[in-house]
C-alpha atoms as a PDB file:
ATOM      1  CA  MET A   1      -0.209  -0.141  -0.365  1.00  0.00           C
ATOM      2  CA  ILE A   2       2.384   2.209   0.588  1.00  0.00           C
ATOM      3  CA  TRP A   3       4.238   1.508  -2.262  1.00  0.00           C
ATOM      4  CA  LEU A   4       1.492   2.713  -4.498  1.00  0.00           C
ATOM      5  CA  LEU A   5       1.068   6.139  -2.609  1.00  0.00           C
ATOM      6  CA  LEU A   6       4.566   6.783  -3.496  1.00  0.00           C
ATOM      7  CA  PHE A   7       3.790   6.140  -6.307  1.00  0.00           C
ATOM      8  CA  CYS A   8       0.821   8.748  -6.694  1.00  0.00           C
ATOM      9  CA  LEU A   9       2.773  11.525  -4.998  1.00  0.00           C
ATOM     10  CA  VAL A  10       5.532  10.904  -7.639  1.00  0.00           C
ATOM     11  CA  VAL A  11       2.637  10.806 -10.491  1.00  0.00           C
ATOM     12  CA  VAL A  12       1.056  13.951  -8.967  1.00  0.00           C
ATOM     13  CA  ALA A  13       3.992  15.285  -8.819  1.00  0.00           C
ATOM     14  CA  SER A  14       5.214  15.125 -12.117  1.00  0.00           C
ATOM     15  CA  ILE A  15       1.855  16.274 -13.775  1.00  0.00           C
ATOM     16  CA  ILE A  16       1.781  19.383 -11.632  1.00  0.00           C
ATOM     17  CA  TRP A  17       5.632  20.438 -12.354  1.00  0.00           C
ATOM     18  CA  ARG A  18       4.670  19.966 -16.003  1.00  0.00           C
ATOM     19  CA  LEU A  19       2.213  22.261 -15.739  1.00  0.00           C
ATOM     20  CA  GLY A  20       3.994  25.109 -14.632  1.00  0.00           C
ATOM     21  CA  PHE A  21       4.405  27.211 -10.974  1.00  0.00           C
ATOM     22  CA  ALA A  22       1.853  27.592  -8.384  1.00  0.00           C
ATOM     23  CA  ARG A  23      -1.227  30.052 -10.024  1.00  0.00           C
ATOM     24  CA  PRO A  24      -4.747  30.383  -7.960  1.00  0.00           C
ATOM     25  CA  ALA A  25      -8.024  30.701  -9.540  1.00  0.00           C
ATOM     26  CA  PRO A  26      -8.049  33.057 -12.806  1.00  0.00           C
ATOM     27  CA  PRO A  27      -9.913  36.003 -11.876  1.00  0.00           C
ATOM     28  CA  SER A  28     -14.176  36.106 -13.366  1.00  0.00           C
ATOM     29  CA  ALA A  29     -16.949  38.332 -13.635  1.00  0.00           C
ATOM     30  CA  LEU A  30     -18.875  35.729 -11.889  1.00  0.00           C
ATOM     31  CA  ARG A  31     -20.876  37.119  -8.676  1.00  0.00           C
ATOM     32  CA  LEU A  32     -23.620  34.488  -6.654  1.00  0.00           C
ATOM     33  CA  PRO A  33     -25.481  34.899  -4.064  1.00  0.00           C
ATOM     34  CA  PRO A  34     -24.246  33.807  -0.373  1.00  0.00           C
ATOM     35  CA  SER A  35     -23.246  30.351   0.491  1.00  0.00           C
ATOM     36  CA  PRO A  36     -24.587  27.533   0.727  1.00  0.00           C
ATOM     37  CA  LEU A  37     -26.596  27.820  -2.892  1.00  0.00           C
ATOM     38  CA  VAL A  38     -30.004  25.362  -4.284  1.00  0.00           C
ATOM     39  CA  ILE A  39     -29.237  24.756  -6.832  1.00  0.00           C
ATOM     40  CA  ALA A  40     -32.386  23.338  -9.560  1.00  0.00           C
ATOM     41  CA  HIS A  41     -31.770  20.350 -11.255  1.00  0.00           C
ATOM     42  CA  GLY A  42     -32.602  20.578 -14.482  1.00  0.00           C
ATOM     43  CA  ASP A  43     -33.005  16.663 -15.143  1.00  0.00           C
ATOM     44  CA  GLU A  44     -34.745  15.526 -12.454  1.00  0.00           C
ATOM     45  CA  ARG A  45     -36.145  12.742 -13.982  1.00  0.00           C
ATOM     46  CA  GLY A  46     -39.549  12.789 -12.892  1.00  0.00           C
ATOM     47  CA  GLN A  47     -37.844  12.224  -9.330  1.00  0.00           C
ATOM     48  CA  GLY A  48     -38.372  15.859  -8.529  1.00  0.00           C
ATOM     49  CA  LEU A  49     -41.467  18.745  -8.869  1.00  0.00           C
ATOM     50  CA  PHE A  50     -42.123  19.572 -12.465  1.00  0.00           C
ATOM     51  CA  PRO A  51     -40.715  18.516 -15.639  1.00  0.00           C
ATOM     52  CA  GLY A  52     -36.781  19.260 -15.751  1.00  0.00           C
ATOM     53  CA  ASN A  53     -34.675  21.982 -18.767  1.00  0.00           C
ATOM     54  CA  THR A  54     -38.381  22.925 -19.900  1.00  0.00           C
ATOM     55  CA  ARG A  55     -39.125  26.632 -18.983  1.00  0.00           C
ATOM     56  CA  LEU A  56     -42.083  25.925 -16.461  1.00  0.00           C
ATOM     57  CA  TYR A  57     -39.665  23.916 -14.105  1.00  0.00           C
ATOM     58  CA  LEU A  58     -37.420  26.956 -14.652  1.00  0.00           C
ATOM     59  CA  HIS A  59     -39.817  29.474 -13.862  1.00  0.00           C
ATOM     60  CA  GLU A  60     -41.399  27.336 -10.831  1.00  0.00           C
ATOM     61  CA  MET A  61     -37.652  26.688  -9.103  1.00  0.00           C
ATOM     62  CA  VAL A  62     -37.257  30.667  -9.360  1.00  0.00           C
ATOM     63  CA  ALA A  63     -40.779  31.632  -7.858  1.00  0.00           C
ATOM     64  CA  ALA A  64     -40.298  28.285  -5.137  1.00  0.00           C
ATOM     65  CA  GLY A  65     -36.442  30.188  -3.904  1.00  0.00           C
ATOM     66  CA  ALA A  66     -34.339  27.821  -6.196  1.00  0.00           C
ATOM     67  CA  ASP A  67     -30.460  30.726  -5.439  1.00  0.00           C
ATOM     68  CA  ALA A  68     -29.705  28.879  -9.289  1.00  0.00           C
ATOM     69  CA  LEU A  69     -30.584  27.021 -11.861  1.00  0.00           C
ATOM     70  CA  GLU A  70     -28.394  23.983 -13.899  1.00  0.00           C
ATOM     71  CA  ILE A  71     -29.598  23.136 -17.343  1.00  0.00           C
ATOM     72  CA  ASP A  72     -27.942  20.766 -19.905  1.00  0.00           C
ATOM     73  CA  LEU A  73     -27.599  22.125 -23.806  1.00  0.00           C
ATOM     74  CA  ASN A  74     -27.586  20.502 -27.057  1.00  0.00           C
ATOM     75  CA  LEU A  75     -27.074  21.984 -30.189  1.00  0.00           C
ATOM     76  CA  THR A  76     -29.579  21.483 -33.079  1.00  0.00           C
ATOM     77  CA  ALA A  77     -29.260  20.074 -36.653  1.00  0.00           C
ATOM     78  CA  ASP A  78     -29.055  24.731 -37.806  1.00  0.00           C
ATOM     79  CA  GLY A  79     -26.959  26.028 -34.704  1.00  0.00           C
ATOM     80  CA  HIS A  80     -28.987  26.755 -31.761  1.00  0.00           C
ATOM     81  CA  LEU A  81     -28.113  25.425 -28.400  1.00  0.00           C
ATOM     82  CA  VAL A  82     -31.060  23.967 -26.657  1.00  0.00           C
ATOM     83  CA  LEU A  83     -32.402  22.998 -23.322  1.00  0.00           C
ATOM     84  CA  ASN A  84     -32.491  18.668 -22.479  1.00  0.00           C
ATOM     85  CA  HIS A  85     -29.850  16.076 -20.907  1.00  0.00           C
ATOM     86  CA  ASP A  86     -30.163  13.513 -23.203  1.00  0.00           C
ATOM     87  CA  ALA A  87     -28.117  13.739 -26.969  1.00  0.00           C
ATOM     88  CA  ARG A  88     -31.241  11.533 -27.784  1.00  0.00           C
ATOM     89  CA  LEU A  89     -35.146  12.949 -27.879  1.00  0.00           C
ATOM     90  CA  GLU A  90     -37.323   9.208 -26.612  1.00  0.00           C
ATOM     91  CA  ARG A  91     -36.523   9.534 -23.245  1.00  0.00           C
ATOM     92  CA  VAL A  92     -38.609  12.624 -22.411  1.00  0.00           C
ATOM     93  CA  SER A  93     -40.650  13.498 -25.502  1.00  0.00           C
ATOM     94  CA  ASP A  94     -42.677  12.143 -28.293  1.00  0.00           C
ATOM     95  CA  GLY A  95     -40.436  12.302 -30.931  1.00  0.00           C
ATOM     96  CA  SER A  96     -36.909   9.811 -31.476  1.00  0.00           C
ATOM     97  CA  GLY A  97     -33.513  10.577 -32.849  1.00  0.00           C
ATOM     98  CA  LEU A  98     -30.706  13.043 -31.907  1.00  0.00           C
ATOM     99  CA  ILE A  99     -31.311  16.577 -31.149  1.00  0.00           C
ATOM    100  CA  ARG A 100     -28.804  17.297 -33.394  1.00  0.00           C
ATOM    101  CA  GLY A 101     -30.678  16.120 -36.638  1.00  0.00           C
ATOM    102  CA  LYS A 102     -33.683  18.080 -36.761  1.00  0.00           C
ATOM    103  CA  THR A 103     -34.272  21.698 -36.471  1.00  0.00           C
ATOM    104  CA  LEU A 104     -35.004  23.770 -34.900  1.00  0.00           C
ATOM    105  CA  ALA A 105     -38.513  24.501 -36.506  1.00  0.00           C
ATOM    106  CA  GLU A 106     -38.362  20.681 -36.052  1.00  0.00           C
ATOM    107  CA  LEU A 107     -37.761  20.087 -32.341  1.00  0.00           C
ATOM    108  CA  ARG A 108     -40.769  22.962 -32.070  1.00  0.00           C
ATOM    109  CA  GLN A 109     -43.218  19.746 -33.279  1.00  0.00           C
ATOM    110  CA  LEU A 110     -42.358  17.698 -29.875  1.00  0.00           C
ATOM    111  CA  ASN A 111     -43.706  18.162 -26.517  1.00  0.00           C
ATOM    112  CA  MET A 112     -40.565  18.727 -24.130  1.00  0.00           C
ATOM    113  CA  ALA A 113     -43.117  16.460 -20.928  1.00  0.00           C
ATOM    114  CA  TYR A 114     -44.445  13.880 -23.059  1.00  0.00           C
ATOM    115  CA  ARG A 115     -42.942  11.079 -20.954  1.00  0.00           C
ATOM    116  CA  TRP A 116     -42.542  12.705 -17.473  1.00  0.00           C
ATOM    117  CA  SER A 117     -43.689  11.654 -14.673  1.00  0.00           C
ATOM    118  CA  ARG A 118     -43.817  11.328 -10.818  1.00  0.00           C
ATOM    119  CA  ASP A 119     -46.150   8.832  -9.342  1.00  0.00           C
ATOM    120  CA  GLY A 120     -44.434   7.044 -12.869  1.00  0.00           C
ATOM    121  CA  GLU A 121     -47.844   5.642 -14.254  1.00  0.00           C
ATOM    122  CA  THR A 122     -49.651   9.190 -14.846  1.00  0.00           C
ATOM    123  CA  CYS A 123     -48.385  11.571 -17.891  1.00  0.00           C
ATOM    124  CA  PRO A 124     -49.613  15.193 -16.777  1.00  0.00           C
ATOM    125  CA  TYR A 125     -48.433  17.193 -19.337  1.00  0.00           C
ATOM    126  CA  ARG A 126     -49.729  14.758 -22.547  1.00  0.00           C
ATOM    127  CA  GLU A 127     -52.814  16.881 -22.773  1.00  0.00           C
ATOM    128  CA  ALA A 128     -51.186  19.920 -21.668  1.00  0.00           C
ATOM    129  CA  PRO A 129     -47.431  19.918 -24.124  1.00  0.00           C
ATOM    130  CA  LEU A 130     -44.512  21.634 -22.902  1.00  0.00           C
ATOM    131  CA  PRO A 131     -42.368  22.790 -26.068  1.00  0.00           C
ATOM    132  CA  ILE A 132     -38.559  22.834 -26.254  1.00  0.00           C
ATOM    133  CA  ALA A 133     -36.713  26.098 -24.577  1.00  0.00           C
ATOM    134  CA  THR A 134     -33.400  27.897 -26.818  1.00  0.00           C
ATOM    135  CA  ILE A 135     -30.924  29.336 -24.017  1.00  0.00           C
ATOM    136  CA  ASP A 136     -32.233  32.467 -25.519  1.00  0.00           C
ATOM    137  CA  GLU A 137     -34.887  32.145 -24.691  1.00  0.00           C
ATOM    138  CA  VAL A 138     -33.945  31.271 -21.007  1.00  0.00           C
ATOM    139  CA  PHE A 139     -31.555  34.408 -20.699  1.00  0.00           C
ATOM    140  CA  ASP A 140     -34.582  36.487 -22.154  1.00  0.00           C
ATOM    141  CA  ALA A 141     -36.991  35.279 -19.366  1.00  0.00           C
ATOM    142  CA  PHE A 142     -34.262  35.264 -16.398  1.00  0.00           C
ATOM    143  CA  PRO A 143     -31.800  37.795 -16.711  1.00  0.00           C
ATOM    144  CA  GLU A 144     -30.870  38.158 -13.677  1.00  0.00           C
ATOM    145  CA  THR A 145     -30.794  34.600 -12.302  1.00  0.00           C
ATOM    146  CA  PRO A 146     -27.535  32.290 -12.059  1.00  0.00           C
ATOM    147  CA  MET A 147     -27.021  29.348 -13.983  1.00  0.00           C
ATOM    148  CA  ILE A 148     -24.936  26.307 -14.288  1.00  0.00           C
ATOM    149  CA  LEU A 149     -24.433  25.826 -17.849  1.00  0.00           C
ATOM    150  CA  GLU A 150     -23.794  21.854 -19.015  1.00  0.00           C
ATOM    151  CA  LEU A 151     -22.494  22.220 -22.538  1.00  0.00           C
ATOM    152  CA  LYS A 152     -23.588  18.467 -23.746  1.00  0.00           C
ATOM    153  CA  ASP A 153     -22.341  18.534 -27.275  1.00  0.00           C
ATOM    154  CA  ARG A 154     -17.853  17.576 -28.312  1.00  0.00           C
ATOM    155  CA  ASP A 155     -18.297  19.884 -31.200  1.00  0.00           C
ATOM    156  CA  LEU A 156     -16.738  22.881 -30.455  1.00  0.00           C
ATOM    157  CA  LYS A 157     -19.604  25.123 -32.743  1.00  0.00           C
ATOM    158  CA  ALA A 158     -21.513  24.161 -29.212  1.00  0.00           C
ATOM    159  CA  ALA A 159     -19.105  26.446 -26.908  1.00  0.00           C
ATOM    160  CA  ALA A 160     -18.851  29.305 -30.671  1.00  0.00           C
ATOM    161  CA  VAL A 161     -23.227  29.659 -30.233  1.00  0.00           C
ATOM    162  CA  LEU A 162     -22.450  29.674 -25.922  1.00  0.00           C
ATOM    163  CA  ALA A 163     -20.585  32.682 -26.302  1.00  0.00           C
ATOM    164  CA  GLN A 164     -22.020  34.177 -28.466  1.00  0.00           C
ATOM    165  CA  SER A 165     -25.805  33.552 -26.957  1.00  0.00           C
ATOM    166  CA  VAL A 166     -23.548  35.116 -23.384  1.00  0.00           C
ATOM    167  CA  GLU A 167     -22.101  38.595 -25.356  1.00  0.00           C
ATOM    168  CA  ARG A 168     -26.058  38.769 -26.457  1.00  0.00           C
ATOM    169  CA  ALA A 169     -27.695  38.219 -23.081  1.00  0.00           C
ATOM    170  CA  GLY A 170     -24.673  40.696 -21.675  1.00  0.00           C
ATOM    171  CA  LYS A 171     -25.327  37.330 -18.779  1.00  0.00           C
ATOM    172  CA  ARG A 172     -21.308  37.138 -17.644  1.00  0.00           C
ATOM    173  CA  SER A 173     -21.847  37.408 -13.724  1.00  0.00           C
ATOM    174  CA  THR A 174     -24.764  35.518 -12.725  1.00  0.00           C
ATOM    175  CA  LEU A 175     -22.981  31.999 -15.479  1.00  0.00           C
ATOM    176  CA  ILE A 176     -20.845  28.856 -14.777  1.00  0.00           C
ATOM    177  CA  VAL A 177     -20.402  26.866 -18.012  1.00  0.00           C
ATOM    178  CA  SER A 178     -19.138  23.642 -17.743  1.00  0.00           C
ATOM    179  CA  SER A 179     -18.395  20.786 -19.780  1.00  0.00           C
ATOM    180  CA  PHE A 180     -17.494  17.048 -19.803  1.00  0.00           C
ATOM    181  CA  HIS A 181     -14.972  17.800 -22.948  1.00  0.00           C
ATOM    182  CA  LEU A 182     -12.551  19.682 -22.293  1.00  0.00           C
ATOM    183  CA  GLY A 183     -11.610  20.591 -26.263  1.00  0.00           C
ATOM    184  CA  VAL A 184     -15.186  22.019 -25.690  1.00  0.00           C
ATOM    185  CA  MET A 185     -14.242  23.750 -22.578  1.00  0.00           C
ATOM    186  CA  ARG A 186     -10.890  25.149 -23.625  1.00  0.00           C
ATOM    187  CA  GLU A 187     -12.456  27.314 -26.745  1.00  0.00           C
ATOM    188  CA  PHE A 188     -15.501  28.295 -24.118  1.00  0.00           C
ATOM    189  CA  ARG A 189     -12.682  29.595 -22.149  1.00  0.00           C
ATOM    190  CA  ARG A 190     -10.525  31.542 -24.956  1.00  0.00           C
ATOM    191  CA  LEU A 191     -14.079  32.915 -26.174  1.00  0.00           C
ATOM    192  CA  CYS A 192     -15.544  34.048 -22.820  1.00  0.00           C
ATOM    193  CA  PRO A 193     -12.112  33.963 -20.912  1.00  0.00           C
ATOM    194  CA  ASP A 194     -14.001  36.357 -18.201  1.00  0.00           C
ATOM    195  CA  VAL A 195     -17.326  33.890 -17.406  1.00  0.00           C
ATOM    196  CA  ALA A 196     -16.351  31.189 -15.402  1.00  0.00           C
ATOM    197  CA  THR A 197     -16.471  27.539 -15.786  1.00  0.00           C
ATOM    198  CA  GLY A 198     -16.506  24.702 -14.025  1.00  0.00           C
ATOM    199  CA  ALA A 199     -13.879  22.064 -13.600  1.00  0.00           C
ATOM    200  CA  THR A 200     -13.853  19.343 -16.067  1.00  0.00           C
ATOM    201  CA  LEU A 201     -13.390  15.457 -15.703  1.00  0.00           C
ATOM    202  CA  PRO A 202      -9.706  15.546 -16.028  1.00  0.00           C
ATOM    203  CA  GLU A 203      -9.296  18.510 -14.259  1.00  0.00           C
ATOM    204  CA  ALA A 204     -11.210  17.531 -11.950  1.00  0.00           C
ATOM    205  CA  MET A 205      -9.379  14.069 -10.999  1.00  0.00           C
ATOM    206  CA  LEU A 206      -6.089  16.067 -11.123  1.00  0.00           C
ATOM    207  CA  PHE A 207      -7.513  17.802  -8.319  1.00  0.00           C
ATOM    208  CA  PHE A 208      -8.769  14.987  -6.315  1.00  0.00           C
ATOM    209  CA  VAL A 209      -5.700  13.732  -6.521  1.00  0.00           C
ATOM    210  CA  ALA A 210      -3.868  17.317  -6.078  1.00  0.00           C
ATOM    211  CA  GLN A 211      -5.166  17.588  -2.752  1.00  0.00           C
ATOM    212  CA  LEU A 212      -4.872  13.579  -1.270  1.00  0.00           C
ATOM    213  CA  PHE A 213      -1.114  14.714  -0.536  1.00  0.00           C
ATOM    214  CA  GLY A 214      -2.185  18.695   0.199  1.00  0.00           C
ATOM    215  CA  LEU A 215      -0.111  19.597  -3.562  1.00  0.00           C
ATOM    216  CA  GLU A 216      -2.891  22.104  -4.919  1.00  0.00           C
ATOM    217  CA  ARG A 217      -1.007  24.765  -4.544  1.00  0.00           C
ATOM    218  CA  TRP A 218       0.778  23.915  -7.169  1.00  0.00           C
ATOM    219  CA  LEU A 219      -2.241  23.849  -9.548  1.00  0.00           C
ATOM    220  CA  ARG A 220      -3.283  26.259 -11.974  1.00  0.00           C
ATOM    221  CA  PRO A 221      -6.423  25.578 -12.626  1.00  0.00           C
ATOM    222  CA  ALA A 222      -8.064  27.525 -15.962  1.00  0.00           C
ATOM    223  CA  TYR A 223     -11.601  26.692 -14.088  1.00  0.00           C
ATOM    224  CA  GLN A 224     -13.608  28.867 -10.969  1.00  0.00           C
ATOM    225  CA  THR A 225     -15.788  25.902 -10.024  1.00  0.00           C
ATOM    226  CA  MET A 226     -16.257  22.573  -9.147  1.00  0.00           C
ATOM    227  CA  GLN A 227     -19.253  20.366  -9.668  1.00  0.00           C
ATOM    228  CA  LEU A 228     -18.550  17.516  -8.214  1.00  0.00           C
ATOM    229  CA  PRO A 229     -20.872  13.921  -8.161  1.00  0.00           C
ATOM    230  CA  SER A 230     -21.148  12.519  -4.274  1.00  0.00           C
ATOM    231  CA  ARG A 231     -19.386   9.489  -5.181  1.00  0.00           C
ATOM    232  CA  TYR A 232     -17.353   8.462  -8.767  1.00  0.00           C
ATOM    233  CA  PHE A 233     -16.774   4.996  -9.305  1.00  0.00           C
ATOM    234  CA  GLY A 234     -17.597   4.004  -5.877  1.00  0.00           C
ATOM    235  CA  ILE A 235     -15.821   5.855  -3.734  1.00  0.00           C
ATOM    236  CA  PRO A 236     -16.505   9.039  -1.553  1.00  0.00           C
ATOM    237  CA  VAL A 237     -15.383  12.241  -3.263  1.00  0.00           C
ATOM    238  CA  PHE A 238     -16.352  14.816  -0.586  1.00  0.00           C
ATOM    239  CA  SER A 239     -14.180  15.400   2.281  1.00  0.00           C
ATOM    240  CA  PRO A 240     -12.982  18.117   4.600  1.00  0.00           C
ATOM    241  CA  ARG A 241      -9.819  18.138   3.405  1.00  0.00           C
ATOM    242  CA  LEU A 242     -11.942  18.651  -0.517  1.00  0.00           C
ATOM    243  CA  ILE A 243     -13.260  21.335   1.141  1.00  0.00           C
ATOM    244  CA  ARG A 244     -10.957  22.948   2.667  1.00  0.00           C
ATOM    245  CA  ALA A 245      -8.112  21.777  -0.179  1.00  0.00           C
ATOM    246  CA  ALA A 246     -11.020  24.072  -3.195  1.00  0.00           C
ATOM    247  CA  HIS A 247     -11.301  27.091  -0.843  1.00  0.00           C
ATOM    248  CA  ARG A 248      -7.357  27.771  -0.075  1.00  0.00           C
ATOM    249  CA  ILE A 249      -7.086  28.410  -4.126  1.00  0.00           C
ATOM    250  CA  GLY A 250      -9.863  30.368  -4.618  1.00  0.00           C
ATOM    251  CA  LEU A 251     -12.396  27.638  -5.717  1.00  0.00           C
ATOM    252  CA  HIS A 252     -16.167  27.294  -5.280  1.00  0.00           C
ATOM    253  CA  VAL A 253     -17.161  24.010  -5.041  1.00  0.00           C
ATOM    254  CA  SER A 254     -20.815  22.408  -5.713  1.00  0.00           C
ATOM    255  CA  VAL A 255     -22.677  18.630  -4.832  1.00  0.00           C
ATOM    256  CA  TRP A 256     -24.198  16.561  -6.861  1.00  0.00           C
ATOM    257  CA  THR A 257     -27.621  14.972  -7.179  1.00  0.00           C
ATOM    258  CA  VAL A 258     -28.133  15.092  -3.278  1.00  0.00           C
ATOM    259  CA  ASP A 259     -31.932  14.632  -3.056  1.00  0.00           C
ATOM    260  CA  ALA A 260     -32.772  12.710   0.901  1.00  0.00           C
ATOM    261  CA  THR A 261     -32.336  15.010   3.667  1.00  0.00           C
ATOM    262  CA  ALA A 262     -30.085  13.217   5.599  1.00  0.00           C
ATOM    263  CA  ASP A 263     -27.877  13.494   2.680  1.00  0.00           C
ATOM    264  CA  MET A 264     -28.104  17.811   2.465  1.00  0.00           C
ATOM    265  CA  GLN A 265     -27.706  18.414   6.166  1.00  0.00           C
ATOM    266  CA  TYR A 266     -24.213  16.205   5.721  1.00  0.00           C
ATOM    267  CA  TYR A 267     -23.149  17.925   2.791  1.00  0.00           C
ATOM    268  CA  LEU A 268     -24.467  21.186   4.734  1.00  0.00           C
ATOM    269  CA  GLN A 269     -22.137  20.935   7.614  1.00  0.00           C
ATOM    270  CA  LEU A 270     -19.725  19.781   5.702  1.00  0.00           C
ATOM    271  CA  GLY A 271     -19.851  23.175   3.901  1.00  0.00           C
ATOM    272  CA  VAL A 272     -20.099  22.785   0.203  1.00  0.00           C
ATOM    273  CA  ASP A 273     -20.976  26.325  -1.301  1.00  0.00           C
ATOM    274  CA  GLY A 274     -23.912  24.858  -3.507  1.00  0.00           C
ATOM    275  CA  ILE A 275     -26.184  21.719  -3.355  1.00  0.00           C
ATOM    276  CA  VAL A 276     -27.621  20.342  -6.548  1.00  0.00           C
ATOM    277  CA  THR A 277     -31.154  18.590  -6.034  1.00  0.00           C
ATOM    278  CA  ASN A 278     -34.227  17.511  -7.884  1.00  0.00           C
ATOM    279  CA  ARG A 279     -35.381  18.461  -4.059  1.00  0.00           C
ATOM    280  CA  THR A 280     -35.559  22.521  -4.120  1.00  0.00           C
ATOM    281  CA  ASP A 281     -38.460  22.013  -1.498  1.00  0.00           C
ATOM    282  CA  ARG A 282     -36.617  20.070   0.764  1.00  0.00           C
ATOM    283  CA  LEU A 283     -33.392  21.904   0.821  1.00  0.00           C
ATOM    284  CA  ARG A 284     -34.253  25.238   1.364  1.00  0.00           C
ATOM    285  CA  SER A 285     -36.384  24.264   4.191  1.00  0.00           C
ATOM    286  CA  LEU A 286     -33.365  22.766   5.630  1.00  0.00           C
ATOM    287  CA  ARG A 287     -31.069  25.793   4.699  1.00  0.00           C
ATOM    288  CA  ASN A 288     -34.090  28.393   6.493  1.00  0.00           C
ATOM    289  CA  PRO A 289     -35.876  26.758   9.360  1.00  0.00           C
ATOM    290  CA  ALA A 290     -37.970  29.663   9.227  1.00  0.00           C
ATOM    291  CA  LEU A 291     -38.951  30.409   5.858  1.00  0.00           C
ATOM    292  CA  PRO A 292     -42.828  30.526   5.021  1.00  0.00           C
ATOM    293  CA  GLY A 293     -44.807  28.136   3.112  1.00  0.00           C
ATOM    294  CA  VAL A 294     -42.310  26.138   3.781  1.00  0.00           C
ATOM    295  CA  SER A 295     -43.013  22.361   5.290  1.00  0.00           C
ATOM    296  CA  GLN A 296     -41.305  21.605   8.693  1.00  0.00           C
ATOM    297  CA  PRO A 297     -40.057  19.699   9.857  1.00  0.00           C
ATOM    298  CA  LEU A 298     -38.509  17.715   7.304  1.00  0.00           C
ATOM    299  CA  ASP A 299     -39.536  13.759   7.625  1.00  0.00           C
ATOM    300  CA  HIS A 300     -35.742  12.256   7.839  1.00  0.00           C
ATOM    301  CA  ALA A 301     -38.222   9.063   6.191  1.00  0.00           C
ATOM    302  CA  ALA A 302     -36.977  10.776   2.806  1.00  0.00           C
ATOM    303  CA  GLY A 303     -33.665   9.690   3.075  1.00  0.00           C
ATOM    304  CA  THR A 304     -30.874   7.937   4.714  1.00  0.00           C
ATOM    305  CA  ARG A 305     -27.611   8.929   3.908  1.00  0.00           C
ATOM    306  CA  SER A 306     -25.032   6.553   1.700  1.00  0.00           C
ATOM    307  CA  ARG A 307     -21.695   6.128   3.701  1.00  0.00           C
END
């Protein structure tokens, strides 16, 4: 075991040395409400309150007091960024095929809440269809609302289209852009250097290993935030050490996706900067127990924290 740890230390030190000298996260225009943030999960898969990644969902989450909206974006055939988690349409809509294979006009004909069901039996929006939304429409509707946008496409064009939308909307100080694709993220950072971005998977993995050995000060992050899963391949991601290390170099850290009351309490106590959840009502009540209009006390039967 000790040899494995030593080997990991050598590997991390070598990578960090190749990256260059220590540097804190680059400055950005980001201005967020005080932590911890209640972040509405865009892809709530019927576990939440309203169909995710729809304008109805976004309106309802803002009205319910969510601090930020997490939104998933895919490119259409004619170069628009539309809200949907999957690259394909079958899971949520009455359409089929790839979003990338259809124009915006074709996508406008679909009901993006056709298959949504809270109880697994009824589909309440089949008689009240919800059309697909573009990121430009969302920017217009919520000019002041903080957002975390995830670019799903590998195509660098996605970064260019979003950069143009951000420029038109002037929405820089309340925006975090993320992606699993490092090339797309690098292109967006080049086009919009003052807009805050999240760590990609390789960047987050490098940070995770570096903080295990107290080497986070030697990183040169190109990002200002990290949105991390609670577990990765069964390994718990968050710890007091990780939170301290992230804050030491000026990073804003959120965890996804947390719906059980006990889990929410754990991460609040841990000191995360934001929690992405399908149940903003539960989290808001936990964070602000005296707020009117929120039922309390919460039922811990809603879930227990897995260790």
